[in-house]
Amino acid sequence: MPTPADESAKRALKKFHGLNGENLVAQLEVLGYDAVYAPSREVALDELLERIPAGASIGAGGSLTLGQIGALDALRGRGHEVFYPLTPDAPRDEKIALCKRSLTADVYLTGVNAITADGEIVNLDGTGNRVAATCFGPGRVIYVAGINKLCFDLEEAISRVRNFAAPANAMRLKLDTPCADTGFCHDCDSPQRICNRLVIHLRAGRGEHSVIVVGETLGL
């Protein structure tokens, strides 16, 4: 049963996340993003759905965050065609075809590995399908970022990606990499290495780019 101290800490953390989230949103807007702070995953899903027009085709990268807010199921329920390459047990050729189709979808959805207080979005990929789609292709890209992805600066963000997100995801995916055994990056030559392509978005760039900052811990 929660104690008064637990409830006090919960309130303080909610306020802390809100202040940091709103500050980040303001900075992202300066950089050309359509940005919004959502205090919960339920609000985040509503914000995401509002940004997707009826009938739009959807591409998506592998993302725990999208699954945690229920994005893909909700979009399929609205009748959208969703191209998602990580369907369990799908043949390799089918996954590659889905990755390519995602590059020309109307809207592309992804999480982030890290985001700095200055608004720099950092993603690290194995095959590169996700970072490719965010750089060029779909007319609209929507990033969903849990507040746990917020880092002070770019150095901290890259360290987070390489020494936390990559090892944790390698463990989750049961990959045979040194980081899955030790919990930190070895800059290895493993065939199953998932950190091959690092992309840093400095500004929104071409097309429409939205960032939904969520005041919860989401993803890894």
C-alpha atoms as a PDB file:
ATOM      1  CA  MET A   1       0.000   0.000   0.000  1.00  0.00           C
ATOM      2  CA  PRO A   2       1.456   3.405  -0.989  1.00  0.00           C
ATOM      3  CA  THR A   3       2.666   5.522   1.926  1.00  0.00           C
ATOM      4  CA  PRO A   4       2.304   9.339   2.198  1.00  0.00           C
ATOM      5  CA  ALA A   5       5.997   9.551   1.274  1.00  0.00           C
ATOM      6  CA  ASP A   6       5.327   7.484  -1.861  1.00  0.00           C
ATOM      7  CA  GLU A   7       2.483   9.780  -2.875  1.00  0.00           C
ATOM      8  CA  SER A   8       4.586  12.884  -2.207  1.00  0.00           C
ATOM      9  CA  ALA A   9       7.396  11.515  -4.369  1.00  0.00           C
ATOM     10  CA  LYS A  10       4.929  10.629  -7.110  1.00  0.00           C
ATOM     11  CA  ARG A  11       3.543  14.178  -7.169  1.00  0.00           C
ATOM     12  CA  ALA A  12       7.017  15.706  -7.217  1.00  0.00           C
ATOM     13  CA  LEU A  13       8.114  13.428 -10.044  1.00  0.00           C
ATOM     14  CA  LYS A  14       5.023  14.274 -12.078  1.00  0.00           C
ATOM     15  CA  LYS A  15       5.757  17.995 -11.665  1.00  0.00           C
ATOM     16  CA  PHE A  16       9.446  17.448 -12.482  1.00  0.00           C
ATOM     17  CA  HIS A  17       8.626  15.505 -15.649  1.00  0.00           C
ATOM     18  CA  GLY A  18       6.082  18.115 -16.658  1.00  0.00           C
ATOM     19  CA  LEU A  19       8.534  20.993 -16.342  1.00  0.00           C
ATOM     20  CA  ASN A  20      11.247  19.164 -18.264  1.00  0.00           C
ATOM     21  CA  GLY A  21       8.786  17.977 -20.878  1.00  0.00           C
ATOM     22  CA  GLU A  22       7.319  21.422 -21.502  1.00  0.00           C
ATOM     23  CA  ASN A  23      10.803  22.962 -21.740  1.00  0.00           C
ATOM     24  CA  LEU A  24      11.805  20.310 -24.276  1.00  0.00           C
ATOM     25  CA  VAL A  25       8.653  20.909 -26.320  1.00  0.00           C
ATOM     26  CA  ALA A  26       9.388  24.653 -26.445  1.00  0.00           C
ATOM     27  CA  GLN A  27      12.905  23.948 -27.727  1.00  0.00           C
ATOM     28  CA  LEU A  28      11.649  21.463 -30.325  1.00  0.00           C
ATOM     29  CA  GLU A  29       9.199  24.060 -31.621  1.00  0.00           C
ATOM     30  CA  VAL A  30      12.096  26.489 -32.120  1.00  0.00           C
ATOM     31  CA  LEU A  31      13.763  23.806 -34.257  1.00  0.00           C
ATOM     32  CA  GLY A  32      10.735  23.466 -36.505  1.00  0.00           C
ATOM     33  CA  TYR A  33       8.958  20.478 -34.962  1.00  0.00           C
ATOM     34  CA  ASP A  34       5.277  20.180 -34.220  1.00  0.00           C
ATOM     35  CA  ALA A  35       5.798  19.197 -30.586  1.00  0.00           C
ATOM     36  CA  VAL A  36       3.494  18.469 -27.664  1.00  0.00           C
ATOM     37  CA  TYR A  37       3.832  17.247 -24.096  1.00  0.00           C
ATOM     38  CA  ALA A  38       1.523  14.394 -23.090  1.00  0.00           C
ATOM     39  CA  PRO A  39       1.442  13.624 -19.344  1.00  0.00           C
ATOM     40  CA  SER A  40       0.380   9.999 -19.936  1.00  0.00           C
ATOM     41  CA  ARG A  41       0.492   7.292 -22.588  1.00  0.00           C
ATOM     42  CA  GLU A  42      -3.275   7.597 -23.051  1.00  0.00           C
ATOM     43  CA  VAL A  43      -2.963  11.284 -23.910  1.00  0.00           C
ATOM     44  CA  ALA A  44       0.034  10.483 -26.136  1.00  0.00           C
ATOM     45  CA  LEU A  45      -2.065   8.040 -28.162  1.00  0.00           C
ATOM     46  CA  ASP A  46      -4.795  10.645 -28.613  1.00  0.00           C
ATOM     47  CA  GLU A  47      -2.213  13.205 -29.780  1.00  0.00           C
ATOM     48  CA  LEU A  48      -0.730  10.711 -32.235  1.00  0.00           C
ATOM     49  CA  LEU A  49      -4.103   9.738 -33.717  1.00  0.00           C
ATOM     50  CA  GLU A  50      -5.038  13.406 -34.146  1.00  0.00           C
ATOM     51  CA  ARG A  51      -1.986  13.884 -36.365  1.00  0.00           C
ATOM     52  CA  ILE A  52      -2.806  11.064 -38.784  1.00  0.00           C
ATOM     53  CA  PRO A  53      -5.391  11.748 -41.503  1.00  0.00           C
ATOM     54  CA  ALA A  54      -8.012   9.177 -42.418  1.00  0.00           C
ATOM     55  CA  GLY A  55      -6.818   6.657 -44.994  1.00  0.00           C
ATOM     56  CA  ALA A  56      -3.109   7.425 -44.531  1.00  0.00           C
ATOM     57  CA  SER A  57      -0.727   4.500 -44.910  1.00  0.00           C
ATOM     58  CA  ILE A  58       1.533   3.922 -41.914  1.00  0.00           C
ATOM     59  CA  GLY A  59       5.135   2.782 -41.701  1.00  0.00           C
ATOM     60  CA  ALA A  60       6.688   1.942 -38.348  1.00  0.00           C
ATOM     61  CA  GLY A  61      10.055   0.948 -36.991  1.00  0.00           C
ATOM     62  CA  GLY A  62      10.673  -1.479 -34.168  1.00  0.00           C
ATOM     63  CA  SER A  63       9.627   0.371 -31.014  1.00  0.00           C
ATOM     64  CA  LEU A  64       8.610  -0.748 -27.556  1.00  0.00           C
ATOM     65  CA  THR A  65       7.182   2.725 -26.995  1.00  0.00           C
ATOM     66  CA  LEU A  66       4.692   2.428 -29.866  1.00  0.00           C
ATOM     67  CA  GLY A  67       3.543  -0.902 -28.462  1.00  0.00           C
ATOM     68  CA  GLN A  68       3.228   0.474 -24.947  1.00  0.00           C
ATOM     69  CA  ILE A  69       0.892   3.272 -26.021  1.00  0.00           C
ATOM     70  CA  GLY A  70      -1.083   0.919 -28.293  1.00  0.00           C
ATOM     71  CA  ALA A  71      -0.400   2.912 -31.466  1.00  0.00           C
ATOM     72  CA  LEU A  72      -0.333   0.211 -34.136  1.00  0.00           C
ATOM     73  CA  ASP A  73      -3.374  -1.671 -32.826  1.00  0.00           C
ATOM     74  CA  ALA A  74      -5.340   1.582 -32.655  1.00  0.00           C
ATOM     75  CA  LEU A  75      -4.389   2.501 -36.214  1.00  0.00           C
ATOM     76  CA  ARG A  76      -5.290  -0.924 -37.553  1.00  0.00           C
ATOM     77  CA  GLY A  77      -8.600  -0.558 -35.724  1.00  0.00           C
ATOM     78  CA  ARG A  78      -9.225   2.684 -37.638  1.00  0.00           C
ATOM     79  CA  GLY A  79      -8.612   0.880 -40.913  1.00  0.00           C
ATOM     80  CA  HIS A  80      -5.136   2.167 -41.726  1.00  0.00           C
ATOM     81  CA  GLU A  81      -2.738   0.036 -43.754  1.00  0.00           C
ATOM     82  CA  VAL A  82       0.233  -0.523 -41.436  1.00  0.00           C
ATOM     83  CA  PHE A  83       3.651  -1.654 -42.666  1.00  0.00           C
ATOM     84  CA  TYR A  84       5.514  -3.089 -39.685  1.00  0.00           C
ATOM     85  CA  PRO A  85       8.594  -5.237 -40.428  1.00  0.00           C
ATOM     86  CA  LEU A  86       8.940  -6.963 -37.055  1.00  0.00           C
ATOM     87  CA  THR A  87       5.961  -9.271 -37.408  1.00  0.00           C
ATOM     88  CA  PRO A  88       6.847 -12.483 -35.501  1.00  0.00           C
ATOM     89  CA  ASP A  89       7.842 -15.451 -37.689  1.00  0.00           C
ATOM     90  CA  ALA A  90       7.542 -13.467 -40.941  1.00  0.00           C
ATOM     91  CA  PRO A  91      10.011 -14.674 -43.615  1.00  0.00           C
ATOM     92  CA  ARG A  92      13.105 -12.519 -44.114  1.00  0.00           C
ATOM     93  CA  ASP A  93      12.072 -11.499 -47.645  1.00  0.00           C
ATOM     94  CA  GLU A  94       8.705 -10.343 -46.341  1.00  0.00           C
ATOM     95  CA  LYS A  95      10.345  -8.260 -43.603  1.00  0.00           C
ATOM     96  CA  ILE A  96      12.641  -6.582 -46.126  1.00  0.00           C
ATOM     97  CA  ALA A  97       9.671  -5.811 -48.387  1.00  0.00           C
ATOM     98  CA  LEU A  98       7.816  -4.255 -45.435  1.00  0.00           C
ATOM     99  CA  CYS A  99      10.857  -2.136 -44.573  1.00  0.00           C
ATOM    100  CA  LYS A 100      11.005  -0.826 -48.133  1.00  0.00           C
ATOM    101  CA  ARG A 101       7.270  -0.165 -48.232  1.00  0.00           C
ATOM    102  CA  SER A 102       7.542   1.786 -44.980  1.00  0.00           C
ATOM    103  CA  LEU A 103       9.897   4.231 -46.696  1.00  0.00           C
ATOM    104  CA  THR A 104       7.097   5.413 -48.968  1.00  0.00           C
ATOM    105  CA  ALA A 105       4.227   5.365 -46.457  1.00  0.00           C
ATOM    106  CA  ASP A 106       2.263   8.551 -45.858  1.00  0.00           C
ATOM    107  CA  VAL A 107       3.226   8.643 -42.174  1.00  0.00           C
ATOM    108  CA  TYR A 108       6.155   7.038 -40.358  1.00  0.00           C
ATOM    109  CA  LEU A 109       6.090   6.314 -36.616  1.00  0.00           C
ATOM    110  CA  THR A 110       9.068   5.658 -34.399  1.00  0.00           C
ATOM    111  CA  GLY A 111      10.376   5.935 -30.874  1.00  0.00           C
ATOM    112  CA  VAL A 112      13.690   7.547 -30.022  1.00  0.00           C
ATOM    113  CA  ASN A 113      16.770   6.183 -28.305  1.00  0.00           C
ATOM    114  CA  ALA A 114      17.666   9.537 -26.774  1.00  0.00           C
ATOM    115  CA  ILE A 115      16.802  13.218 -27.050  1.00  0.00           C
ATOM    116  CA  THR A 116      18.789  16.128 -25.656  1.00  0.00           C
ATOM    117  CA  ALA A 117      17.521  19.169 -23.802  1.00  0.00           C
ATOM    118  CA  ASP A 118      18.568  21.154 -26.900  1.00  0.00           C
ATOM    119  CA  GLY A 119      16.207  19.075 -29.057  1.00  0.00           C
ATOM    120  CA  GLU A 120      18.719  16.791 -30.786  1.00  0.00           C
ATOM    121  CA  ILE A 121      17.060  13.436 -31.558  1.00  0.00           C
ATOM    122  CA  VAL A 122      19.416  10.451 -31.521  1.00  0.00           C
ATOM    123  CA  ASN A 123      18.591   7.042 -33.001  1.00  0.00           C
ATOM    124  CA  LEU A 124      20.891   4.061 -33.525  1.00  0.00           C
ATOM    125  CA  ASP A 125      19.947   1.217 -35.870  1.00  0.00           C
ATOM    126  CA  GLY A 126      21.244  -2.140 -36.957  1.00  0.00           C
ATOM    127  CA  THR A 127      19.884  -2.333 -40.509  1.00  0.00           C
ATOM    128  CA  GLY A 128      19.061   1.353 -40.880  1.00  0.00           C
ATOM    129  CA  ASN A 129      15.454   1.070 -42.084  1.00  0.00           C
ATOM    130  CA  ARG A 130      14.162   3.204 -39.215  1.00  0.00           C
ATOM    131  CA  VAL A 131      16.705   6.011 -39.441  1.00  0.00           C
ATOM    132  CA  ALA A 132      16.414   6.043 -43.247  1.00  0.00           C
ATOM    133  CA  ALA A 133      12.674   6.652 -43.044  1.00  0.00           C
ATOM    134  CA  THR A 134      13.109   9.519 -40.592  1.00  0.00           C
ATOM    135  CA  CYS A 135      15.662  11.192 -42.870  1.00  0.00           C
ATOM    136  CA  PHE A 136      13.855  10.961 -46.205  1.00  0.00           C
ATOM    137  CA  GLY A 137      10.709   9.354 -47.585  1.00  0.00           C
ATOM    138  CA  PRO A 138       7.408   9.628 -45.724  1.00  0.00           C
ATOM    139  CA  GLY A 139       5.774  13.054 -45.813  1.00  0.00           C
ATOM    140  CA  ARG A 140       5.182  13.017 -42.074  1.00  0.00           C
ATOM    141  CA  VAL A 141       7.309  11.506 -39.291  1.00  0.00           C
ATOM    142  CA  ILE A 142       6.003  11.215 -35.738  1.00  0.00           C
ATOM    143  CA  TYR A 143       8.430  10.504 -32.909  1.00  0.00           C
ATOM    144  CA  VAL A 144       7.135   9.324 -29.530  1.00  0.00           C
ATOM    145  CA  ALA A 145       9.604   9.778 -26.671  1.00  0.00           C
ATOM    146  CA  GLY A 146       9.197   8.760 -23.047  1.00  0.00           C
ATOM    147  CA  ILE A 147      10.616  11.312 -20.629  1.00  0.00           C
ATOM    148  CA  ASN A 148      13.272   8.741 -19.665  1.00  0.00           C
ATOM    149  CA  LYS A 149      14.935   9.364 -23.049  1.00  0.00           C
ATOM    150  CA  LEU A 150      15.763  12.970 -22.137  1.00  0.00           C
ATOM    151  CA  CYS A 151      19.498  13.647 -21.753  1.00  0.00           C
ATOM    152  CA  PHE A 152      21.409  16.778 -20.808  1.00  0.00           C
ATOM    153  CA  ASP A 153      23.567  16.987 -23.928  1.00  0.00           C
ATOM    154  CA  LEU A 154      24.677  15.070 -27.017  1.00  0.00           C
ATOM    155  CA  GLU A 155      27.558  13.323 -25.255  1.00  0.00           C
ATOM    156  CA  GLU A 156      25.185  11.918 -22.636  1.00  0.00           C
ATOM    157  CA  ALA A 157      22.660  10.983 -25.330  1.00  0.00           C
ATOM    158  CA  ILE A 158      25.153   8.973 -27.375  1.00  0.00           C
ATOM    159  CA  SER A 159      26.428   7.278 -24.230  1.00  0.00           C
ATOM    160  CA  ARG A 160      22.851   6.369 -23.307  1.00  0.00           C
ATOM    161  CA  VAL A 161      22.245   4.900 -26.742  1.00  0.00           C
ATOM    162  CA  ARG A 162      25.407   2.812 -26.820  1.00  0.00           C
ATOM    163  CA  ASN A 163      25.714   1.784 -23.180  1.00  0.00           C
ATOM    164  CA  PHE A 164      22.082   1.373 -22.195  1.00  0.00           C
ATOM    165  CA  ALA A 165      19.589   1.222 -25.072  1.00  0.00           C
ATOM    166  CA  ALA A 166      21.652  -1.043 -27.338  1.00  0.00           C
ATOM    167  CA  PRO A 167      22.682  -3.577 -24.655  1.00  0.00           C
ATOM    168  CA  ALA A 168      19.189  -3.650 -23.152  1.00  0.00           C
ATOM    169  CA  ASN A 169      17.601  -4.234 -26.551  1.00  0.00           C
ATOM    170  CA  ALA A 170      20.176  -6.888 -27.405  1.00  0.00           C
ATOM    171  CA  MET A 171      19.181  -8.700 -24.197  1.00  0.00           C
ATOM    172  CA  ARG A 172      15.486  -8.278 -24.999  1.00  0.00           C
ATOM    173  CA  LEU A 173      15.971  -9.709 -28.479  1.00  0.00           C
ATOM    174  CA  LYS A 174      18.226 -12.520 -27.172  1.00  0.00           C
ATOM    175  CA  LEU A 175      21.062 -11.572 -29.503  1.00  0.00           C
ATOM    176  CA  ASP A 176      24.533 -13.070 -29.400  1.00  0.00           C
ATOM    177  CA  THR A 177      26.533  -9.904 -28.759  1.00  0.00           C
ATOM    178  CA  PRO A 178      29.097  -9.017 -26.076  1.00  0.00           C
ATOM    179  CA  CYS A 179      26.915  -6.212 -24.748  1.00  0.00           C
ATOM    180  CA  ALA A 180      24.085  -8.669 -24.100  1.00  0.00           C
ATOM    181  CA  ASP A 181      26.460 -10.518 -21.747  1.00  0.00           C
ATOM    182  CA  THR A 182      28.123  -7.555 -20.025  1.00  0.00           C
ATOM    183  CA  GLY A 183      25.596  -4.724 -20.226  1.00  0.00           C
ATOM    184  CA  PHE A 184      27.860  -2.190 -21.949  1.00  0.00           C
ATOM    185  CA  CYS A 185      29.155  -1.473 -25.447  1.00  0.00           C
ATOM    186  CA  HIS A 186      32.268  -3.280 -26.724  1.00  0.00           C
ATOM    187  CA  ASP A 187      32.174  -1.735 -30.224  1.00  0.00           C
ATOM    188  CA  CYS A 188      32.111  -5.351 -31.357  1.00  0.00           C
ATOM    189  CA  ASP A 189      32.217  -7.111 -34.727  1.00  0.00           C
ATOM    190  CA  SER A 190      29.348  -9.460 -33.923  1.00  0.00           C
ATOM    191  CA  PRO A 191      27.154 -10.427 -36.915  1.00  0.00           C
ATOM    192  CA  GLN A 192      24.132  -9.661 -34.710  1.00  0.00           C
ATOM    193  CA  ARG A 193      25.371  -6.200 -33.710  1.00  0.00           C
ATOM    194  CA  ILE A 194      22.435  -3.748 -33.659  1.00  0.00           C
ATOM    195  CA  CYS A 195      24.376  -0.468 -33.508  1.00  0.00           C
ATOM    196  CA  ASN A 196      25.602   0.163 -37.047  1.00  0.00           C
ATOM    197  CA  ARG A 197      23.975   3.432 -38.113  1.00  0.00           C
ATOM    198  CA  LEU A 198      23.828   6.470 -35.860  1.00  0.00           C
ATOM    199  CA  VAL A 199      21.628   9.405 -36.894  1.00  0.00           C
ATOM    200  CA  ILE A 200      21.371  12.728 -35.071  1.00  0.00           C
ATOM    201  CA  HIS A 201      18.533  15.032 -36.107  1.00  0.00           C
ATOM    202  CA  LEU A 202      19.582  18.616 -35.432  1.00  0.00           C
ATOM    203  CA  ARG A 203      16.391  20.212 -36.792  1.00  0.00           C
ATOM    204  CA  ALA A 204      13.061  19.120 -38.222  1.00  0.00           C
ATOM    205  CA  GLY A 205      14.167  19.434 -41.849  1.00  0.00           C
ATOM    206  CA  ARG A 206      11.935  18.675 -44.849  1.00  0.00           C
ATOM    207  CA  GLY A 207       8.391  17.413 -44.489  1.00  0.00           C
ATOM    208  CA  GLU A 208       6.277  17.448 -41.342  1.00  0.00           C
ATOM    209  CA  HIS A 209       7.962  16.203 -38.184  1.00  0.00           C
ATOM    210  CA  SER A 210       6.097  15.816 -34.911  1.00  0.00           C
ATOM    211  CA  VAL A 211       7.455  14.892 -31.491  1.00  0.00           C
ATOM    212  CA  ILE A 212       5.198  13.659 -28.710  1.00  0.00           C
ATOM    213  CA  VAL A 213       7.030  13.844 -25.378  1.00  0.00           C
ATOM    214  CA  VAL A 214       5.380  11.567 -22.823  1.00  0.00           C
ATOM    215  CA  GLY A 215       5.676  12.107 -19.072  1.00  0.00           C
ATOM    216  CA  GLU A 216       6.196   8.395 -18.404  1.00  0.00           C
ATOM    217  CA  THR A 217       9.018   5.897 -18.641  1.00  0.00           C
ATOM    218  CA  LEU A 218       8.543   4.203 -22.009  1.00  0.00           C
ATOM    219  CA  GLY A 219      10.768   1.922 -24.034  1.00  0.00           C
ATOM    220  CA  LEU A 220      14.407   1.240 -23.238  1.00  0.00           C
END
